[in-house]
Amino acid sequence: MTGNIQEIIDAHRHMVDISELAKKEFGISMEVPQIILLIEGAPALLHTKELT
């Protein structure tokens, strides 16, 4: 979990950097993994029993 959007941006930049390094150093070309944002809210959790 993260406290702010800057951490997500930094993580994505890090993945891009690693991908570029792998291509440069090892000739491995790969797509940069995408971060999937999951939003969890307490109100939704309160009603999960109704969904089952």
PDB file of N, CA and C in Angstrom:
ATOM      1  N   MET A   1       0.850  -1.188   0.000  1.00  0.00           N
ATOM      2  CA  MET A   1       0.000   0.000   0.000  1.00  0.00           C
ATOM      3  C   MET A   1       0.886   1.237   0.000  1.00  0.00           C
ATOM      4  N   THR A   2       0.322   2.307  -0.424  1.00  0.00           N
ATOM      5  CA  THR A   2       1.076   3.548  -0.532  1.00  0.00           C
ATOM      6  C   THR A   2       0.308   4.696   0.114  1.00  0.00           C
ATOM      7  N   GLY A   3       1.042   5.684   0.528  1.00  0.00           N
ATOM      8  CA  GLY A   3       0.429   6.828   1.177  1.00  0.00           C
ATOM      9  C   GLY A   3       0.121   7.975   0.229  1.00  0.00           C
ATOM     10  N   ASN A   4       0.785   7.967  -0.941  1.00  0.00           N
ATOM     11  CA  ASN A   4       0.547   9.068  -1.877  1.00  0.00           C
ATOM     12  C   ASN A   4       0.915   8.670  -3.298  1.00  0.00           C
ATOM     13  N   ILE A   5       0.519   9.478  -4.230  1.00  0.00           N
ATOM     14  CA  ILE A   5       0.733   9.198  -5.645  1.00  0.00           C
ATOM     15  C   ILE A   5       2.210   9.260  -6.024  1.00  0.00           C
ATOM     16  N   GLN A   6       2.992  10.047  -5.325  1.00  0.00           N
ATOM     17  CA  GLN A   6       4.415  10.165  -5.644  1.00  0.00           C
ATOM     18  C   GLN A   6       5.124   8.822  -5.511  1.00  0.00           C
ATOM     19  N   GLU A   7       4.753   8.016  -4.533  1.00  0.00           N
ATOM     20  CA  GLU A   7       5.357   6.693  -4.372  1.00  0.00           C
ATOM     21  C   GLU A   7       5.052   5.805  -5.576  1.00  0.00           C
ATOM     22  N   ILE A   8       3.851   5.914  -6.117  1.00  0.00           N
ATOM     23  CA  ILE A   8       3.466   5.134  -7.293  1.00  0.00           C
ATOM     24  C   ILE A   8       4.272   5.588  -8.508  1.00  0.00           C
ATOM     25  N   ILE A   9       4.419   6.890  -8.663  1.00  0.00           N
ATOM     26  CA  ILE A   9       5.205   7.439  -9.775  1.00  0.00           C
ATOM     27  C   ILE A   9       6.654   6.983  -9.665  1.00  0.00           C
ATOM     28  N   ASP A  10       7.211   7.045  -8.463  1.00  0.00           N
ATOM     29  CA  ASP A  10       8.597   6.621  -8.254  1.00  0.00           C
ATOM     30  C   ASP A  10       8.776   5.130  -8.561  1.00  0.00           C
ATOM     31  N   ALA A  11       7.821   4.311  -8.158  1.00  0.00           N
ATOM     32  CA  ALA A  11       7.895   2.873  -8.427  1.00  0.00           C
ATOM     33  C   ALA A  11       7.853   2.607  -9.926  1.00  0.00           C
ATOM     34  N   HIS A  12       7.001   3.324 -10.636  1.00  0.00           N
ATOM     35  CA  HIS A  12       6.914   3.145 -12.091  1.00  0.00           C
ATOM     36  C   HIS A  12       8.208   3.573 -12.768  1.00  0.00           C
ATOM     37  N   ARG A  13       8.757   4.684 -12.359  1.00  0.00           N
ATOM     38  CA  ARG A  13      10.036   5.142 -12.936  1.00  0.00           C
ATOM     39  C   ARG A  13      11.142   4.129 -12.683  1.00  0.00           C
ATOM     40  N   HIS A  14      11.133   3.530 -11.510  1.00  0.00           N
ATOM     41  CA  HIS A  14      12.134   2.517 -11.162  1.00  0.00           C
ATOM     42  C   HIS A  14      12.001   1.308 -12.089  1.00  0.00           C
ATOM     43  N   MET A  15      10.774   0.882 -12.354  1.00  0.00           N
ATOM     44  CA  MET A  15      10.558  -0.253 -13.258  1.00  0.00           C
ATOM     45  C   MET A  15      11.016   0.076 -14.669  1.00  0.00           C
ATOM     46  N   VAL A  16      10.798   1.297 -15.115  1.00  0.00           N
ATOM     47  CA  VAL A  16      11.269   1.730 -16.443  1.00  0.00           C
ATOM     48  C   VAL A  16      12.791   1.695 -16.475  1.00  0.00           C
ATOM     49  N   ASP A  17      13.425   2.204 -15.424  1.00  0.00           N
ATOM     50  CA  ASP A  17      14.888   2.204 -15.363  1.00  0.00           C
ATOM     51  C   ASP A  17      15.452   0.784 -15.404  1.00  0.00           C
ATOM     52  N   ILE A  18      14.853  -0.137 -14.667  1.00  0.00           N
ATOM     53  CA  ILE A  18      15.316  -1.524 -14.648  1.00  0.00           C
ATOM     54  C   ILE A  18      15.149  -2.161 -16.029  1.00  0.00           C
ATOM     55  N   SER A  19      14.024  -1.866 -16.675  1.00  0.00           N
ATOM     56  CA  SER A  19      13.770  -2.394 -18.015  1.00  0.00           C
ATOM     57  C   SER A  19      14.828  -1.899 -19.002  1.00  0.00           C
ATOM     58  N   GLU A  20      15.146  -0.619 -18.933  1.00  0.00           N
ATOM     59  CA  GLU A  20      16.161  -0.043 -19.823  1.00  0.00           C
ATOM     60  C   GLU A  20      17.547  -0.616 -19.532  1.00  0.00           C
ATOM     61  N   LEU A  21      17.846  -0.840 -18.263  1.00  0.00           N
ATOM     62  CA  LEU A  21      19.129  -1.422 -17.881  1.00  0.00           C
ATOM     63  C   LEU A  21      19.244  -2.857 -18.402  1.00  0.00           C
ATOM     64  N   ALA A  22      18.181  -3.632 -18.294  1.00  0.00           N
ATOM     65  CA  ALA A  22      18.193  -5.011 -18.788  1.00  0.00           C
ATOM     66  C   ALA A  22      18.430  -5.036 -20.294  1.00  0.00           C
ATOM     67  N   LYS A  23      17.823  -4.104 -21.002  1.00  0.00           N
ATOM     68  CA  LYS A  23      18.016  -4.038 -22.457  1.00  0.00           C
ATOM     69  C   LYS A  23      19.454  -3.648 -22.796  1.00  0.00           C
ATOM     70  N   LYS A  24      19.983  -2.673 -22.081  1.00  0.00           N
ATOM     71  CA  LYS A  24      21.331  -2.173 -22.361  1.00  0.00           C
ATOM     72  C   LYS A  24      22.404  -3.201 -21.998  1.00  0.00           C
ATOM     73  N   GLU A  25      22.292  -3.785 -20.821  1.00  0.00           N
ATOM     74  CA  GLU A  25      23.346  -4.668 -20.319  1.00  0.00           C
ATOM     75  C   GLU A  25      23.238  -6.104 -20.827  1.00  0.00           C
ATOM     76  N   PHE A  26      22.017  -6.604 -21.004  1.00  0.00           N
ATOM     77  CA  PHE A  26      21.844  -8.012 -21.326  1.00  0.00           C
ATOM     78  C   PHE A  26      21.144  -8.260 -22.655  1.00  0.00           C
ATOM     79  N   GLY A  27      20.729  -7.180 -23.328  1.00  0.00           N
ATOM     80  CA  GLY A  27      20.041  -7.339 -24.594  1.00  0.00           C
ATOM     81  C   GLY A  27      18.639  -7.919 -24.449  1.00  0.00           C
ATOM     82  N   ILE A  28      18.083  -7.809 -23.246  1.00  0.00           N
ATOM     83  CA  ILE A  28      16.741  -8.336 -22.983  1.00  0.00           C
ATOM     84  C   ILE A  28      15.742  -7.205 -23.179  1.00  0.00           C
ATOM     85  N   SER A  29      14.856  -7.380 -24.127  1.00  0.00           N
ATOM     86  CA  SER A  29      13.822  -6.379 -24.365  1.00  0.00           C
ATOM     87  C   SER A  29      12.532  -6.860 -23.726  1.00  0.00           C
ATOM     88  N   MET A  30      11.960  -6.048 -22.876  1.00  0.00           N
ATOM     89  CA  MET A  30      10.732  -6.437 -22.199  1.00  0.00           C
ATOM     90  C   MET A  30       9.826  -5.234 -22.014  1.00  0.00           C
ATOM     91  N   GLU A  31       8.557  -5.519 -21.895  1.00  0.00           N
ATOM     92  CA  GLU A  31       7.615  -4.447 -21.614  1.00  0.00           C
ATOM     93  C   GLU A  31       7.700  -4.090 -20.131  1.00  0.00           C
ATOM     94  N   VAL A  32       7.530  -2.824 -19.842  1.00  0.00           N
ATOM     95  CA  VAL A  32       7.547  -2.379 -18.461  1.00  0.00           C
ATOM     96  C   VAL A  32       6.255  -2.840 -17.790  1.00  0.00           C
ATOM     97  N   PRO A  33       6.367  -3.513 -16.638  1.00  0.00           N
ATOM     98  CA  PRO A  33       5.152  -3.931 -15.941  1.00  0.00           C
ATOM     99  C   PRO A  33       4.294  -2.713 -15.572  1.00  0.00           C
ATOM    100  N   GLN A  34       3.002  -2.887 -15.650  1.00  0.00           N
ATOM    101  CA  GLN A  34       2.077  -1.806 -15.313  1.00  0.00           C
ATOM    102  C   GLN A  34       1.596  -1.954 -13.869  1.00  0.00           C
ATOM    103  N   ILE A  35       1.504  -0.854 -13.177  1.00  0.00           N
ATOM    104  CA  ILE A  35       0.988  -0.848 -11.813  1.00  0.00           C
ATOM    105  C   ILE A  35      -0.532  -0.799 -11.888  1.00  0.00           C
ATOM    106  N   ILE A  36      -1.162  -1.709 -11.177  1.00  0.00           N
ATOM    107  CA  ILE A  36      -2.623  -1.735 -11.135  1.00  0.00           C
ATOM    108  C   ILE A  36      -3.046  -1.150  -9.788  1.00  0.00           C
ATOM    109  N   LEU A  37      -3.780  -0.070  -9.854  1.00  0.00           N
ATOM    110  CA  LEU A  37      -4.220   0.588  -8.633  1.00  0.00           C
ATOM    111  C   LEU A  37      -5.453  -0.102  -8.075  1.00  0.00           C
ATOM    112  N   LEU A  38      -5.410  -0.423  -6.811  1.00  0.00           N
ATOM    113  CA  LEU A  38      -6.550  -1.005  -6.125  1.00  0.00           C
ATOM    114  C   LEU A  38      -6.995  -0.027  -5.049  1.00  0.00           C
ATOM    115  N   ILE A  39      -8.238   0.313  -5.071  1.00  0.00           N
ATOM    116  CA  ILE A  39      -8.770   1.267  -4.100  1.00  0.00           C
ATOM    117  C   ILE A  39      -9.668   0.510  -3.144  1.00  0.00           C
ATOM    118  N   GLU A  40      -9.342   0.594  -1.888  1.00  0.00           N
ATOM    119  CA  GLU A  40     -10.107  -0.108  -0.874  1.00  0.00           C
ATOM    120  C   GLU A  40     -10.796   0.913   0.017  1.00  0.00           C
ATOM    121  N   GLY A  41     -12.065   0.746   0.203  1.00  0.00           N
ATOM    122  CA  GLY A  41     -12.803   1.667   1.062  1.00  0.00           C
ATOM    123  C   GLY A  41     -13.576   0.924   2.136  1.00  0.00           C
ATOM    124  N   ALA A  42     -13.628   1.479   3.292  1.00  0.00           N
ATOM    125  CA  ALA A  42     -14.332   0.850   4.398  1.00  0.00           C
ATOM    126  C   ALA A  42     -15.821   0.658   4.123  1.00  0.00           C
ATOM    127  N   PRO A  43     -16.535   1.605   3.521  1.00  0.00           N
ATOM    128  CA  PRO A  43     -17.960   1.398   3.272  1.00  0.00           C
ATOM    129  C   PRO A  43     -18.243   0.138   2.441  1.00  0.00           C
ATOM    130  N   ALA A  44     -17.416  -0.126   1.466  1.00  0.00           N
ATOM    131  CA  ALA A  44     -17.619  -1.322   0.642  1.00  0.00           C
ATOM    132  C   ALA A  44     -17.415  -2.587   1.467  1.00  0.00           C
ATOM    133  N   LEU A  45     -16.464  -2.550   2.374  1.00  0.00           N
ATOM    134  CA  LEU A  45     -16.204  -3.722   3.208  1.00  0.00           C
ATOM    135  C   LEU A  45     -17.354  -4.002   4.171  1.00  0.00           C
ATOM    136  N   LEU A  46     -18.046  -2.980   4.579  1.00  0.00           N
ATOM    137  CA  LEU A  46     -19.157  -3.154   5.502  1.00  0.00           C
ATOM    138  C   LEU A  46     -20.309  -3.918   4.873  1.00  0.00           C
ATOM    139  N   HIS A  47     -20.408  -3.903   3.546  1.00  0.00           N
ATOM    140  CA  HIS A  47     -21.533  -4.526   2.860  1.00  0.00           C
ATOM    141  C   HIS A  47     -21.157  -5.817   2.143  1.00  0.00           C
ATOM    142  N   THR A  48     -19.983  -6.388   2.423  1.00  0.00           N
ATOM    143  CA  THR A  48     -19.570  -7.590   1.716  1.00  0.00           C
ATOM    144  C   THR A  48     -20.438  -8.788   2.058  1.00  0.00           C
ATOM    145  N   LYS A  49     -20.951  -8.856   3.257  1.00  0.00           N
ATOM    146  CA  LYS A  49     -21.799  -9.982   3.637  1.00  0.00           C
ATOM    147  C   LYS A  49     -23.073 -10.002   2.779  1.00  0.00           C
ATOM    148  N   GLU A  50     -23.590  -8.842   2.407  1.00  0.00           N
ATOM    149  CA  GLU A  50     -24.780  -8.770   1.587  1.00  0.00           C
ATOM    150  C   GLU A  50     -24.541  -9.324   0.188  1.00  0.00           C
ATOM    151  N   LEU A  51     -23.301  -9.295  -0.263  1.00  0.00           N
ATOM    152  CA  LEU A  51     -22.978  -9.757  -1.604  1.00  0.00           C
ATOM    153  C   LEU A  51     -22.871 -11.273  -1.696  1.00  0.00           C
ATOM    154  N   THR A  52     -22.688 -11.933  -0.581  1.00  0.00           N
ATOM    155  CA  THR A  52     -22.507 -13.387  -0.605  1.00  0.00           C
ATOM    156  C   THR A  52     -23.796 -14.140  -0.400  1.00  0.00           C
TER     157      THR A  52
END
